[in-house]
Amino acid sequence: MFDTNMWAGKTLLPPAYTTEFDLGQYEESETGWGLGATFGLLLKPHPMFSLGATFRTASTVKFSGEAVISNLVAIGQPGSSEMERSVTWPEWLAVGAAFFPMENLTFTADVQ
């Protein structure tokens, strides 16, 4: 799911294009599906030390929904329309380490 709200901005109105008009609120509400995979590895070479890695494949989500600009109807335009968008998340890799010097104390570090 993806929802956003923000100011739509201003436009100049015809015929002279000198009068500014506030478009009001812009809203999107969309849903979609995508496919990806995550792989992980955890190594514990010693009870006080562990290493881990995570890899995510790239994934694309195809969204569809509705976009609304609140004040467009005041100037004779449709206030909403159907929309589609695709968003691609890139591949992602993270590695980390943990050190357990004593009970109830853990030091960690990771890089993504």
PDB file of N, CA and C in Angstrom:
ATOM      1  N   MET A   1       0.838  -1.175   0.000  1.00  0.00           N
ATOM      2  CA  MET A   1       0.000   0.000   0.000  1.00  0.00           C
ATOM      3  C   MET A   1       0.885   1.241   0.000  1.00  0.00           C
ATOM      4  N   PHE A   2       0.404   2.284  -0.646  1.00  0.00           N
ATOM      5  CA  PHE A   2       1.122   3.561  -0.678  1.00  0.00           C
ATOM      6  C   PHE A   2       0.100   4.682  -0.643  1.00  0.00           C
ATOM      7  N   ASP A   3       0.220   5.557   0.324  1.00  0.00           N
ATOM      8  CA  ASP A   3      -0.642   6.725   0.440  1.00  0.00           C
ATOM      9  C   ASP A   3       0.233   7.940   0.673  1.00  0.00           C
ATOM     10  N   THR A   4      -0.094   9.048   0.019  1.00  0.00           N
ATOM     11  CA  THR A   4       0.640  10.285   0.247  1.00  0.00           C
ATOM     12  C   THR A   4      -0.307  11.470   0.139  1.00  0.00           C
ATOM     13  N   ASN A   5       0.004  12.519   0.877  1.00  0.00           N
ATOM     14  CA  ASN A   5      -0.746  13.773   0.856  1.00  0.00           C
ATOM     15  C   ASN A   5       0.266  14.910   0.857  1.00  0.00           C
ATOM     16  N   MET A   6       0.062  15.891  -0.010  1.00  0.00           N
ATOM     17  CA  MET A   6       0.936  17.062  -0.047  1.00  0.00           C
ATOM     18  C   MET A   6       0.233  18.194  -0.792  1.00  0.00           C
ATOM     19  N   TRP A   7       0.775  19.370  -0.688  1.00  0.00           N
ATOM     20  CA  TRP A   7       0.228  20.510  -1.392  1.00  0.00           C
ATOM     21  C   TRP A   7       0.453  20.321  -2.893  1.00  0.00           C
ATOM     22  N   ALA A   8      -0.575  20.589  -3.706  1.00  0.00           N
ATOM     23  CA  ALA A   8      -0.494  20.384  -5.154  1.00  0.00           C
ATOM     24  C   ALA A   8       0.184  21.541  -5.879  1.00  0.00           C
ATOM     25  N   GLY A   9       0.333  22.677  -5.242  1.00  0.00           N
ATOM     26  CA  GLY A   9       1.002  23.813  -5.875  1.00  0.00           C
ATOM     27  C   GLY A   9       0.016  24.839  -6.403  1.00  0.00           C
ATOM     28  N   LYS A  10       0.516  25.678  -7.302  1.00  0.00           N
ATOM     29  CA  LYS A  10      -0.300  26.733  -7.903  1.00  0.00           C
ATOM     30  C   LYS A  10      -0.220  26.630  -9.419  1.00  0.00           C
ATOM     31  N   THR A  11      -1.188  27.243 -10.099  1.00  0.00           N
ATOM     32  CA  THR A  11      -1.168  27.332 -11.554  1.00  0.00           C
ATOM     33  C   THR A  11      -1.681  28.712 -11.946  1.00  0.00           C
ATOM     34  N   LEU A  12      -1.388  29.117 -13.161  1.00  0.00           N
ATOM     35  CA  LEU A  12      -1.902  30.381 -13.691  1.00  0.00           C
ATOM     36  C   LEU A  12      -3.140  30.086 -14.523  1.00  0.00           C
ATOM     37  N   LEU A  13      -4.177  30.899 -14.331  1.00  0.00           N
ATOM     38  CA  LEU A  13      -5.455  30.668 -15.008  1.00  0.00           C
ATOM     39  C   LEU A  13      -5.548  31.455 -16.312  1.00  0.00           C
ATOM     40  N   PRO A  14      -6.172  30.843 -17.343  1.00  0.00           N
ATOM     41  CA  PRO A  14      -6.422  31.569 -18.582  1.00  0.00           C
ATOM     42  C   PRO A  14      -7.527  32.610 -18.353  1.00  0.00           C
ATOM     43  N   PRO A  15      -7.741  33.587 -19.200  1.00  0.00           N
ATOM     44  CA  PRO A  15      -7.126  33.711 -20.524  1.00  0.00           C
ATOM     45  C   PRO A  15      -5.776  34.410 -20.499  1.00  0.00           C
ATOM     46  N   ALA A  16      -5.506  35.271 -19.524  1.00  0.00           N
ATOM     47  CA  ALA A  16      -4.264  36.048 -19.549  1.00  0.00           C
ATOM     48  C   ALA A  16      -3.111  35.335 -18.848  1.00  0.00           C
ATOM     49  N   TYR A  17      -3.381  34.270 -18.126  1.00  0.00           N
ATOM     50  CA  TYR A  17      -2.377  33.526 -17.366  1.00  0.00           C
ATOM     51  C   TYR A  17      -1.607  34.433 -16.410  1.00  0.00           C
ATOM     52  N   THR A  18      -2.340  35.321 -15.750  1.00  0.00           N
ATOM     53  CA  THR A  18      -1.734  36.216 -14.760  1.00  0.00           C
ATOM     54  C   THR A  18      -2.317  35.992 -13.364  1.00  0.00           C
ATOM     55  N   THR A  19      -3.437  35.281 -13.255  1.00  0.00           N
ATOM     56  CA  THR A  19      -4.067  35.026 -11.963  1.00  0.00           C
ATOM     57  C   THR A  19      -3.620  33.679 -11.432  1.00  0.00           C
ATOM     58  N   GLU A  20      -3.015  33.683 -10.234  1.00  0.00           N
ATOM     59  CA  GLU A  20      -2.589  32.426  -9.612  1.00  0.00           C
ATOM     60  C   GLU A  20      -3.767  31.741  -8.949  1.00  0.00           C
ATOM     61  N   PHE A  21      -3.794  30.418  -9.064  1.00  0.00           N
ATOM     62  CA  PHE A  21      -4.858  29.621  -8.453  1.00  0.00           C
ATOM     63  C   PHE A  21      -4.210  28.520  -7.616  1.00  0.00           C
ATOM     64  N   ASP A  22      -4.608  28.410  -6.353  1.00  0.00           N
ATOM     65  CA  ASP A  22      -4.116  27.378  -5.438  1.00  0.00           C
ATOM     66  C   ASP A  22      -4.827  26.061  -5.755  1.00  0.00           C
ATOM     67  N   LEU A  23      -4.072  25.047  -6.145  1.00  0.00           N
ATOM     68  CA  LEU A  23      -4.659  23.751  -6.511  1.00  0.00           C
ATOM     69  C   LEU A  23      -5.109  22.942  -5.302  1.00  0.00           C
ATOM     70  N   GLY A  24      -4.690  23.327  -4.109  1.00  0.00           N
ATOM     71  CA  GLY A  24      -5.121  22.633  -2.893  1.00  0.00           C
ATOM     72  C   GLY A  24      -4.286  21.405  -2.589  1.00  0.00           C
ATOM     73  N   GLN A  25      -4.925  20.399  -2.037  1.00  0.00           N
ATOM     74  CA  GLN A  25      -4.266  19.185  -1.576  1.00  0.00           C
ATOM     75  C   GLN A  25      -4.170  18.153  -2.691  1.00  0.00           C
ATOM     76  N   TYR A  26      -2.999  17.502  -2.781  1.00  0.00           N
ATOM     77  CA  TYR A  26      -2.814  16.372  -3.694  1.00  0.00           C
ATOM     78  C   TYR A  26      -2.776  15.110  -2.849  1.00  0.00           C
ATOM     79  N   GLU A  27      -3.550  14.112  -3.238  1.00  0.00           N
ATOM     80  CA  GLU A  27      -3.596  12.848  -2.499  1.00  0.00           C
ATOM     81  C   GLU A  27      -3.497  11.675  -3.457  1.00  0.00           C
ATOM     82  N   GLU A  28      -2.742  10.673  -3.056  1.00  0.00           N
ATOM     83  CA  GLU A  28      -2.670   9.404  -3.784  1.00  0.00           C
ATOM     84  C   GLU A  28      -2.985   8.276  -2.819  1.00  0.00           C
ATOM     85  N   SER A  29      -3.700   7.288  -3.310  1.00  0.00           N
ATOM     86  CA  SER A  29      -3.945   6.073  -2.550  1.00  0.00           C
ATOM     87  C   SER A  29      -3.829   4.907  -3.531  1.00  0.00           C
ATOM     88  N   GLU A  30      -2.847   4.034  -3.281  1.00  0.00           N
ATOM     89  CA  GLU A  30      -2.552   2.964  -4.223  1.00  0.00           C
ATOM     90  C   GLU A  30      -2.294   1.647  -3.496  1.00  0.00           C
ATOM     91  N   THR A  31      -2.516   0.560  -4.194  1.00  0.00           N
ATOM     92  CA  THR A  31      -2.140  -0.764  -3.715  1.00  0.00           C
ATOM     93  C   THR A  31      -1.418  -1.478  -4.853  1.00  0.00           C
ATOM     94  N   GLY A  32      -0.610  -2.459  -4.504  1.00  0.00           N
ATOM     95  CA  GLY A  32       0.102  -3.189  -5.545  1.00  0.00           C
ATOM     96  C   GLY A  32       0.795  -4.421  -4.994  1.00  0.00           C
ATOM     97  N   TRP A  33       1.368  -5.176  -5.920  1.00  0.00           N
ATOM     98  CA  TRP A  33       2.079  -6.412  -5.596  1.00  0.00           C
ATOM     99  C   TRP A  33       3.416  -6.441  -6.316  1.00  0.00           C
ATOM    100  N   GLY A  34       4.367  -7.086  -5.693  1.00  0.00           N
ATOM    101  CA  GLY A  34       5.667  -7.306  -6.305  1.00  0.00           C
ATOM    102  C   GLY A  34       6.234  -8.617  -5.793  1.00  0.00           C
ATOM    103  N   LEU A  35       7.349  -9.016  -6.354  1.00  0.00           N
ATOM    104  CA  LEU A  35       7.958 -10.284  -5.971  1.00  0.00           C
ATOM    105  C   LEU A  35       9.449 -10.075  -5.781  1.00  0.00           C
ATOM    106  N   GLY A  36       9.968 -10.590  -4.703  1.00  0.00           N
ATOM    107  CA  GLY A  36      11.399 -10.514  -4.416  1.00  0.00           C
ATOM    108  C   GLY A  36      11.751 -11.623  -3.446  1.00  0.00           C
ATOM    109  N   ALA A  37      13.021 -11.732  -3.135  1.00  0.00           N
ATOM    110  CA  ALA A  37      13.471 -12.773  -2.206  1.00  0.00           C
ATOM    111  C   ALA A  37      14.556 -12.210  -1.300  1.00  0.00           C
ATOM    112  N   THR A  38      14.621 -12.744  -0.088  1.00  0.00           N
ATOM    113  CA  THR A  38      15.656 -12.380   0.875  1.00  0.00           C
ATOM    114  C   THR A  38      16.347 -13.659   1.333  1.00  0.00           C
ATOM    115  N   PHE A  39      17.681 -13.621   1.331  1.00  0.00           N
ATOM    116  CA  PHE A  39      18.484 -14.754   1.764  1.00  0.00           C
ATOM    117  C   PHE A  39      19.367 -14.297   2.917  1.00  0.00           C
ATOM    118  N   GLY A  40      19.519 -15.151   3.904  1.00  0.00           N
ATOM    119  CA  GLY A  40      20.349 -14.805   5.046  1.00  0.00           C
ATOM    120  C   GLY A  40      21.250 -15.959   5.453  1.00  0.00           C
ATOM    121  N   LEU A  41      22.346 -15.586   6.119  1.00  0.00           N
ATOM    122  CA  LEU A  41      23.319 -16.564   6.592  1.00  0.00           C
ATOM    123  C   LEU A  41      23.793 -16.127   7.971  1.00  0.00           C
ATOM    124  N   LEU A  42      23.816 -17.030   8.931  1.00  0.00           N
ATOM    125  CA  LEU A  42      24.304 -16.745  10.274  1.00  0.00           C
ATOM    126  C   LEU A  42      25.357 -17.781  10.641  1.00  0.00           C
ATOM    127  N   LEU A  43      26.536 -17.293  10.997  1.00  0.00           N
ATOM    128  CA  LEU A  43      27.632 -18.169  11.416  1.00  0.00           C
ATOM    129  C   LEU A  43      27.974 -17.876  12.872  1.00  0.00           C
ATOM    130  N   LYS A  44      28.146 -18.926  13.665  1.00  0.00           N
ATOM    131  CA  LYS A  44      28.533 -18.786  15.069  1.00  0.00           C
ATOM    132  C   LYS A  44      29.807 -19.599  15.303  1.00  0.00           C
ATOM    133  N   PRO A  45      30.973 -19.050  14.901  1.00  0.00           N
ATOM    134  CA  PRO A  45      32.213 -19.818  15.030  1.00  0.00           C
ATOM    135  C   PRO A  45      32.668 -20.007  16.470  1.00  0.00           C
ATOM    136  N   HIS A  46      32.145 -19.181  17.389  1.00  0.00           N
ATOM    137  CA  HIS A  46      32.529 -19.252  18.800  1.00  0.00           C
ATOM    138  C   HIS A  46      31.328 -18.775  19.612  1.00  0.00           C
ATOM    139  N   PRO A  47      31.108 -19.271  20.827  1.00  0.00           N
ATOM    140  CA  PRO A  47      29.958 -18.824  21.621  1.00  0.00           C
ATOM    141  C   PRO A  47      29.947 -17.312  21.904  1.00  0.00           C
ATOM    142  N   MET A  48      31.111 -16.654  21.796  1.00  0.00           N
ATOM    143  CA  MET A  48      31.176 -15.217  22.075  1.00  0.00           C
ATOM    144  C   MET A  48      31.144 -14.362  20.806  1.00  0.00           C
ATOM    145  N   PHE A  49      30.991 -14.994  19.627  1.00  0.00           N
ATOM    146  CA  PHE A  49      31.125 -14.242  18.385  1.00  0.00           C
ATOM    147  C   PHE A  49      30.196 -14.820  17.317  1.00  0.00           C
ATOM    148  N   SER A  50      29.537 -13.942  16.570  1.00  0.00           N
ATOM    149  CA  SER A  50      28.723 -14.404  15.441  1.00  0.00           C
ATOM    150  C   SER A  50      28.837 -13.434  14.277  1.00  0.00           C
ATOM    151  N   LEU A  51      28.663 -13.962  13.068  1.00  0.00           N
ATOM    152  CA  LEU A  51      28.693 -13.186  11.828  1.00  0.00           C
ATOM    153  C   LEU A  51      27.412 -13.459  11.055  1.00  0.00           C
ATOM    154  N   GLY A  52      26.909 -12.449  10.365  1.00  0.00           N
ATOM    155  CA  GLY A  52      25.706 -12.648   9.583  1.00  0.00           C
ATOM    156  C   GLY A  52      25.739 -11.847   8.298  1.00  0.00           C
ATOM    157  N   ALA A  53      24.944 -12.273   7.342  1.00  0.00           N
ATOM    158  CA  ALA A  53      24.815 -11.562   6.071  1.00  0.00           C
ATOM    159  C   ALA A  53      23.382 -11.734   5.563  1.00  0.00           C
ATOM    160  N   THR A  54      22.896 -10.697   4.897  1.00  0.00           N
ATOM    161  CA  THR A  54      21.568 -10.722   4.293  1.00  0.00           C
ATOM    162  C   THR A  54      21.660 -10.156   2.890  1.00  0.00           C
ATOM    163  N   PHE A  55      20.988 -10.809   1.940  1.00  0.00           N
ATOM    164  CA  PHE A  55      20.918 -10.318   0.563  1.00  0.00           C
ATOM    165  C   PHE A  55      19.457 -10.288   0.137  1.00  0.00           C
ATOM    166  N   ARG A  56      19.031  -9.152  -0.418  1.00  0.00           N
ATOM    167  CA  ARG A  56      17.687  -9.035  -0.991  1.00  0.00           C
ATOM    168  C   ARG A  56      17.808  -8.797  -2.486  1.00  0.00           C
ATOM    169  N   THR A  57      17.003  -9.498  -3.243  1.00  0.00           N
ATOM    170  CA  THR A  57      16.984  -9.289  -4.691  1.00  0.00           C
ATOM    171  C   THR A  57      16.254  -7.983  -4.998  1.00  0.00           C
ATOM    172  N   ALA A  58      16.506  -7.440  -6.169  1.00  0.00           N
ATOM    173  CA  ALA A  58      15.738  -6.283  -6.625  1.00  0.00           C
ATOM    174  C   ALA A  58      14.283  -6.700  -6.790  1.00  0.00           C
ATOM    175  N   SER A  59      13.384  -5.776  -6.547  1.00  0.00           N
ATOM    176  CA  SER A  59      11.962  -6.085  -6.719  1.00  0.00           C
ATOM    177  C   SER A  59      11.229  -4.861  -7.250  1.00  0.00           C
ATOM    178  N   THR A  60      10.253  -5.106  -8.085  1.00  0.00           N
ATOM    179  CA  THR A  60       9.415  -4.046  -8.649  1.00  0.00           C
ATOM    180  C   THR A  60       7.978  -4.274  -8.210  1.00  0.00           C
ATOM    181  N   VAL A  61       7.367  -3.229  -7.663  1.00  0.00           N
ATOM    182  CA  VAL A  61       5.969  -3.283  -7.253  1.00  0.00           C
ATOM    183  C   VAL A  61       5.174  -2.426  -8.227  1.00  0.00           C
ATOM    184  N   LYS A  62       4.135  -3.008  -8.792  1.00  0.00           N
ATOM    185  CA  LYS A  62       3.242  -2.289  -9.706  1.00  0.00           C
ATOM    186  C   LYS A  62       2.015  -1.847  -8.921  1.00  0.00           C
ATOM    187  N   PHE A  63       1.890  -0.532  -8.756  1.00  0.00           N
ATOM    188  CA  PHE A  63       0.792   0.055  -7.999  1.00  0.00           C
ATOM    189  C   PHE A  63      -0.303   0.550  -8.931  1.00  0.00           C
ATOM    190  N   SER A  64      -1.535   0.543  -8.440  1.00  0.00           N
ATOM    191  CA  SER A  64      -2.646   1.200  -9.126  1.00  0.00           C
ATOM    192  C   SER A  64      -3.562   1.785  -8.064  1.00  0.00           C
ATOM    193  N   GLY A  65      -4.213   2.887  -8.403  1.00  0.00           N
ATOM    194  CA  GLY A  65      -5.086   3.535  -7.438  1.00  0.00           C
ATOM    195  C   GLY A  65      -5.665   4.813  -7.999  1.00  0.00           C
ATOM    196  N   GLU A  66      -5.834   5.788  -7.124  1.00  0.00           N
ATOM    197  CA  GLU A  66      -6.479   7.035  -7.500  1.00  0.00           C
ATOM    198  C   GLU A  66      -5.654   8.229  -7.025  1.00  0.00           C
ATOM    199  N   ALA A  67      -5.607   9.276  -7.861  1.00  0.00           N
ATOM    200  CA  ALA A  67      -4.983  10.547  -7.504  1.00  0.00           C
ATOM    201  C   ALA A  67      -6.067  11.620  -7.477  1.00  0.00           C
ATOM    202  N   VAL A  68      -6.004  12.489  -6.460  1.00  0.00           N
ATOM    203  CA  VAL A  68      -6.999  13.538  -6.281  1.00  0.00           C
ATOM    204  C   VAL A  68      -6.288  14.865  -6.078  1.00  0.00           C
ATOM    205  N   ILE A  69      -6.723  15.902  -6.794  1.00  0.00           N
ATOM    206  CA  ILE A  69      -6.292  17.280  -6.545  1.00  0.00           C
ATOM    207  C   ILE A  69      -7.552  18.046  -6.160  1.00  0.00           C
ATOM    208  N   SER A  70      -7.611  18.457  -4.903  1.00  0.00           N
ATOM    209  CA  SER A  70      -8.869  18.901  -4.299  1.00  0.00           C
ATOM    210  C   SER A  70      -9.537  20.092  -4.971  1.00  0.00           C
ATOM    211  N   ASN A  71      -8.797  21.089  -5.439  1.00  0.00           N
ATOM    212  CA  ASN A  71      -9.428  22.307  -5.963  1.00  0.00           C
ATOM    213  C   ASN A  71      -9.630  22.325  -7.476  1.00  0.00           C
ATOM    214  N   LEU A  72      -9.301  21.266  -8.188  1.00  0.00           N
ATOM    215  CA  LEU A  72      -9.473  21.257  -9.645  1.00  0.00           C
ATOM    216  C   LEU A  72     -10.926  21.387 -10.071  1.00  0.00           C
ATOM    217  N   VAL A  73     -11.842  20.834  -9.296  1.00  0.00           N
ATOM    218  CA  VAL A  73     -13.256  20.919  -9.667  1.00  0.00           C
ATOM    219  C   VAL A  73     -13.743  22.367  -9.680  1.00  0.00           C
ATOM    220  N   ALA A  74     -13.106  23.255  -8.911  1.00  0.00           N
ATOM    221  CA  ALA A  74     -13.500  24.666  -8.869  1.00  0.00           C
ATOM    222  C   ALA A  74     -13.217  25.377 -10.189  1.00  0.00           C
ATOM    223  N   ILE A  75     -12.319  24.827 -11.005  1.00  0.00           N
ATOM    224  CA  ILE A  75     -12.027  25.438 -12.312  1.00  0.00           C
ATOM    225  C   ILE A  75     -12.501  24.551 -13.460  1.00  0.00           C
ATOM    226  N   GLY A  76     -13.460  23.675 -13.158  1.00  0.00           N
ATOM    227  CA  GLY A  76     -14.100  22.881 -14.197  1.00  0.00           C
ATOM    228  C   GLY A  76     -13.333  21.670 -14.682  1.00  0.00           C
ATOM    229  N   GLN A  77     -12.392  21.198 -13.913  1.00  0.00           N
ATOM    230  CA  GLN A  77     -11.607  20.015 -14.278  1.00  0.00           C
ATOM    231  C   GLN A  77     -11.994  18.849 -13.379  1.00  0.00           C
ATOM    232  N   PRO A  78     -11.744  17.614 -13.831  1.00  0.00           N
ATOM    233  CA  PRO A  78     -12.012  16.467 -12.949  1.00  0.00           C
ATOM    234  C   PRO A  78     -11.109  16.551 -11.718  1.00  0.00           C
ATOM    235  N   GLY A  79     -11.649  16.231 -10.572  1.00  0.00           N
ATOM    236  CA  GLY A  79     -10.878  16.310  -9.340  1.00  0.00           C
ATOM    237  C   GLY A  79     -10.060  15.072  -9.043  1.00  0.00           C
ATOM    238  N   SER A  80     -10.305  13.976  -9.778  1.00  0.00           N
ATOM    239  CA  SER A  80      -9.568  12.741  -9.509  1.00  0.00           C
ATOM    240  C   SER A  80      -9.373  11.962 -10.800  1.00  0.00           C
ATOM    241  N   SER A  81      -8.428  11.039 -10.762  1.00  0.00           N
ATOM    242  CA  SER A  81      -8.205  10.151 -11.907  1.00  0.00           C
ATOM    243  C   SER A  81      -7.557   8.868 -11.423  1.00  0.00           C
ATOM    244  N   GLU A  82      -7.731   7.815 -12.205  1.00  0.00           N
ATOM    245  CA  GLU A  82      -7.062   6.548 -11.933  1.00  0.00           C
ATOM    246  C   GLU A  82      -5.595   6.703 -12.309  1.00  0.00           C
ATOM    247  N   MET A  83      -4.722   5.973 -11.610  1.00  0.00           N
ATOM    248  CA  MET A  83      -3.301   6.071 -11.912  1.00  0.00           C
ATOM    249  C   MET A  83      -2.604   4.740 -11.703  1.00  0.00           C
ATOM    250  N   GLU A  84      -1.447   4.605 -12.336  1.00  0.00           N
ATOM    251  CA  GLU A  84      -0.583   3.440 -12.168  1.00  0.00           C
ATOM    252  C   GLU A  84       0.849   3.916 -12.067  1.00  0.00           C
ATOM    253  N   ARG A  85       1.643   3.204 -11.303  1.00  0.00           N
ATOM    254  CA  ARG A  85       3.069   3.507 -11.183  1.00  0.00           C
ATOM    255  C   ARG A  85       3.803   2.237 -10.805  1.00  0.00           C
ATOM    256  N   SER A  86       5.045   2.134 -11.231  1.00  0.00           N
ATOM    257  CA  SER A  86       5.916   1.025 -10.841  1.00  0.00           C
ATOM    258  C   SER A  86       7.074   1.589 -10.049  1.00  0.00           C
ATOM    259  N   VAL A  87       7.406   0.932  -8.945  1.00  0.00           N
ATOM    260  CA  VAL A  87       8.522   1.353  -8.097  1.00  0.00           C
ATOM    261  C   VAL A  87       9.462   0.166  -7.974  1.00  0.00           C
ATOM    262  N   THR A  88      10.744   0.410  -8.255  1.00  0.00           N
ATOM    263  CA  THR A  88      11.742  -0.654  -8.163  1.00  0.00           C
ATOM    264  C   THR A  88      12.675  -0.383  -6.996  1.00  0.00           C
ATOM    265  N   TRP A  89      12.799  -1.365  -6.117  1.00  0.00           N
ATOM    266  CA  TRP A  89      13.764  -1.308  -5.033  1.00  0.00           C
ATOM    267  C   TRP A  89      15.011  -2.077  -5.488  1.00  0.00           C
ATOM    268  N   PRO A  90      16.195  -1.534  -5.255  1.00  0.00           N
ATOM    269  CA  PRO A  90      17.420  -2.178  -5.745  1.00  0.00           C
ATOM    270  C   PRO A  90      17.829  -3.380  -4.890  1.00  0.00           C
ATOM    271  N   GLU A  91      18.823  -4.100  -5.399  1.00  0.00           N
ATOM    272  CA  GLU A  91      19.422  -5.169  -4.607  1.00  0.00           C
ATOM    273  C   GLU A  91      19.998  -4.561  -3.336  1.00  0.00           C
ATOM    274  N   TRP A  92      20.079  -5.359  -2.296  1.00  0.00           N
ATOM    275  CA  TRP A  92      20.522  -4.865  -1.004  1.00  0.00           C
ATOM    276  C   TRP A  92      21.350  -5.943  -0.323  1.00  0.00           C
ATOM    277  N   LEU A  93      22.498  -5.543   0.218  1.00  0.00           N
ATOM    278  CA  LEU A  93      23.389  -6.476   0.902  1.00  0.00           C
ATOM    279  C   LEU A  93      23.778  -5.875   2.245  1.00  0.00           C
ATOM    280  N   ALA A  94      23.748  -6.673   3.287  1.00  0.00           N
ATOM    281  CA  ALA A  94      24.175  -6.241   4.616  1.00  0.00           C
ATOM    282  C   ALA A  94      25.001  -7.349   5.243  1.00  0.00           C
ATOM    283  N   VAL A  95      26.034  -6.954   5.984  1.00  0.00           N
ATOM    284  CA  VAL A  95      26.841  -7.895   6.755  1.00  0.00           C
ATOM    285  C   VAL A  95      27.006  -7.318   8.155  1.00  0.00           C
ATOM    286  N   GLY A  96      27.112  -8.186   9.127  1.00  0.00           N
ATOM    287  CA  GLY A  96      27.240  -7.725  10.500  1.00  0.00           C
ATOM    288  C   GLY A  96      27.982  -8.721  11.362  1.00  0.00           C
ATOM    289  N   ALA A  97      28.379  -8.225  12.529  1.00  0.00           N
ATOM    290  CA  ALA A  97      29.083  -9.058  13.489  1.00  0.00           C
ATOM    291  C   ALA A  97      28.572  -8.713  14.886  1.00  0.00           C
ATOM    292  N   ALA A  98      28.613  -9.689  15.772  1.00  0.00           N
ATOM    293  CA  ALA A  98      28.221  -9.480  17.163  1.00  0.00           C
ATOM    294  C   ALA A  98      29.257 -10.137  18.072  1.00  0.00           C
ATOM    295  N   PHE A  99      29.550  -9.443  19.174  1.00  0.00           N
ATOM    296  CA  PHE A  99      30.503  -9.930  20.167  1.00  0.00           C
ATOM    297  C   PHE A  99      29.789  -9.934  21.511  1.00  0.00           C
ATOM    298  N   PHE A 100      29.850 -11.056  22.213  1.00  0.00           N
ATOM    299  CA  PHE A 100      29.167 -11.243  23.490  1.00  0.00           C
ATOM    300  C   PHE A 100      30.224 -11.436  24.586  1.00  0.00           C
ATOM    301  N   PRO A 101      30.825 -10.371  25.134  1.00  0.00           N
ATOM    302  CA  PRO A 101      31.903 -10.533  26.110  1.00  0.00           C
ATOM    303  C   PRO A 101      31.436 -11.085  27.455  1.00  0.00           C
ATOM    304  N   MET A 102      30.175 -10.843  27.813  1.00  0.00           N
ATOM    305  CA  MET A 102      29.625 -11.377  29.066  1.00  0.00           C
ATOM    306  C   MET A 102      28.103 -11.437  28.946  1.00  0.00           C
ATOM    307  N   GLU A 103      27.470 -12.117  29.881  1.00  0.00           N
ATOM    308  CA  GLU A 103      26.022 -12.240  29.877  1.00  0.00           C
ATOM    309  C   GLU A 103      25.374 -10.845  29.949  1.00  0.00           C
ATOM    310  N   ASN A 104      24.335 -10.616  29.152  1.00  0.00           N
ATOM    311  CA  ASN A 104      23.573  -9.360  29.089  1.00  0.00           C
ATOM    312  C   ASN A 104      24.363  -8.185  28.518  1.00  0.00           C
ATOM    313  N   LEU A 105      25.437  -8.439  27.783  1.00  0.00           N
ATOM    314  CA  LEU A 105      26.178  -7.373  27.104  1.00  0.00           C
ATOM    315  C   LEU A 105      26.547  -7.865  25.711  1.00  0.00           C
ATOM    316  N   THR A 106      26.129  -7.110  24.705  1.00  0.00           N
ATOM    317  CA  THR A 106      26.414  -7.453  23.302  1.00  0.00           C
ATOM    318  C   THR A 106      26.878  -6.224  22.560  1.00  0.00           C
ATOM    319  N   PHE A 107      27.968  -6.340  21.812  1.00  0.00           N
ATOM    320  CA  PHE A 107      28.451  -5.288  20.924  1.00  0.00           C
ATOM    321  C   PHE A 107      28.168  -5.750  19.496  1.00  0.00           C
ATOM    322  N   THR A 108      27.587  -4.857  18.680  1.00  0.00           N
ATOM    323  CA  THR A 108      27.299  -5.212  17.295  1.00  0.00           C
ATOM    324  C   THR A 108      27.797  -4.147  16.350  1.00  0.00           C
ATOM    325  N   ALA A 109      27.999  -4.546  15.109  1.00  0.00           N
ATOM    326  CA  ALA A 109      28.353  -3.624  14.030  1.00  0.00           C
ATOM    327  C   ALA A 109      27.807  -4.213  12.734  1.00  0.00           C
ATOM    328  N   ASP A 110      27.342  -3.331  11.847  1.00  0.00           N
ATOM    329  CA  ASP A 110      26.874  -3.828  10.549  1.00  0.00           C
ATOM    330  C   ASP A 110      27.102  -2.774   9.484  1.00  0.00           C
ATOM    331  N   VAL A 111      27.123  -3.239   8.253  1.00  0.00           N
ATOM    332  CA  VAL A 111      27.288  -2.394   7.075  1.00  0.00           C
ATOM    333  C   VAL A 111      26.207  -2.822   6.081  1.00  0.00           C
ATOM    334  N   GLN A 112      25.565  -1.828   5.468  1.00  0.00           N
ATOM    335  CA  GLN A 112      24.530  -2.132   4.474  1.00  0.00           C
ATOM    336  C   GLN A 112      24.933  -1.542   3.153  1.00  0.00           C
TER     337      GLN A 112
END
